[in-house]
């Protein structure tokens, strides 16, 4: 998930963390890659999303 900066998207960034958390809780794979081979962790511009993904991956790996 990333903010697009498109008009009409104001306020959606506040929803990104809870939506991302919900997706992870329901099996979303944060290590998946898009058609360019880039994972959400590498493509996100949000520090909050990056921290959430890193925390999730650390827990998944048992660190």
Protein backbone atom coordinates (compact mmCIF):
# COMPACT_ATOMS: atom_id res chain seq x y z
CA UNK A 1 0.00 0.00 0.00
CA UNK A 2 1.21 3.44 -0.72
CA UNK A 3 -0.17 6.92 -0.82
CA UNK A 4 -0.66 8.03 -4.39
CA UNK A 5 -0.86 11.74 -3.80
CA UNK A 6 -3.81 11.83 -6.18
CA UNK A 7 -6.54 14.34 -5.47
CA UNK A 8 -9.33 12.95 -3.35
CA UNK A 9 -7.01 10.70 -1.36
CA UNK A 10 -6.51 13.09 1.57
CA UNK A 11 -6.92 11.28 4.85
CA UNK A 12 -6.36 7.83 3.43
CA UNK A 13 -2.83 7.66 4.84
CA UNK A 14 -4.37 7.47 8.33
CA UNK A 15 -6.07 4.26 7.22
CA UNK A 16 -2.98 2.61 5.75
CA UNK A 17 -1.59 1.20 9.02
CA UNK A 18 -4.83 -0.42 10.25
CA UNK A 19 -5.60 -1.78 6.79
CA UNK A 20 -2.09 -3.17 6.43
CA UNK A 21 -2.33 -4.74 9.90
CA UNK A 22 -5.68 -6.31 8.97
CA UNK A 23 -4.26 -7.72 5.73
CA UNK A 24 -1.27 -9.22 7.57
CA UNK A 25 -3.55 -10.76 10.22
CA UNK A 26 -5.52 -12.43 7.43
CA UNK A 27 -2.56 -13.94 5.63
CA UNK A 28 -1.18 -11.26 3.32
CA UNK A 29 2.42 -12.07 2.43
CA UNK A 30 4.65 -9.03 3.03
CA UNK A 31 7.43 -10.75 1.11
CA UNK A 32 5.43 -11.02 -2.10
CA UNK A 33 6.76 -9.08 -5.05
CA UNK A 34 5.14 -7.02 -7.74
CA UNK A 35 5.86 -7.51 -11.44
CA UNK A 36 9.10 -5.55 -11.01
CA UNK A 37 10.24 -7.89 -8.23
CA UNK A 38 9.77 -5.26 -5.51
CA UNK A 39 8.26 -6.15 -2.13
CA UNK A 40 5.93 -3.89 -0.14
CA UNK A 41 8.73 -3.30 2.36
CA UNK A 42 10.96 -1.88 -0.36
CA UNK A 43 8.26 0.12 -2.11
CA UNK A 44 6.48 1.80 0.78
CA UNK A 45 7.11 5.46 1.42
CA UNK A 46 5.42 5.33 4.81
CA UNK A 47 7.69 5.00 7.83
CA UNK A 48 4.77 3.58 9.81
CA UNK A 49 4.04 0.87 7.24
CA UNK A 50 7.73 0.02 6.97
CA UNK A 51 7.96 -0.37 10.76
CA UNK A 52 4.83 -2.54 10.81
CA UNK A 53 6.13 -4.80 8.03
CA UNK A 54 9.56 -5.11 9.66
CA UNK A 55 7.99 -5.98 13.02
CA UNK A 56 5.72 -8.57 11.38
CA UNK A 57 8.63 -10.19 9.54
CA UNK A 58 10.77 -10.30 12.70
CA UNK A 59 7.96 -12.03 14.60
CA UNK A 60 7.42 -14.43 11.71
CA UNK A 61 11.10 -15.35 11.72
CA UNK A 62 11.11 -15.74 15.50
CA UNK A 63 13.54 -12.92 16.28
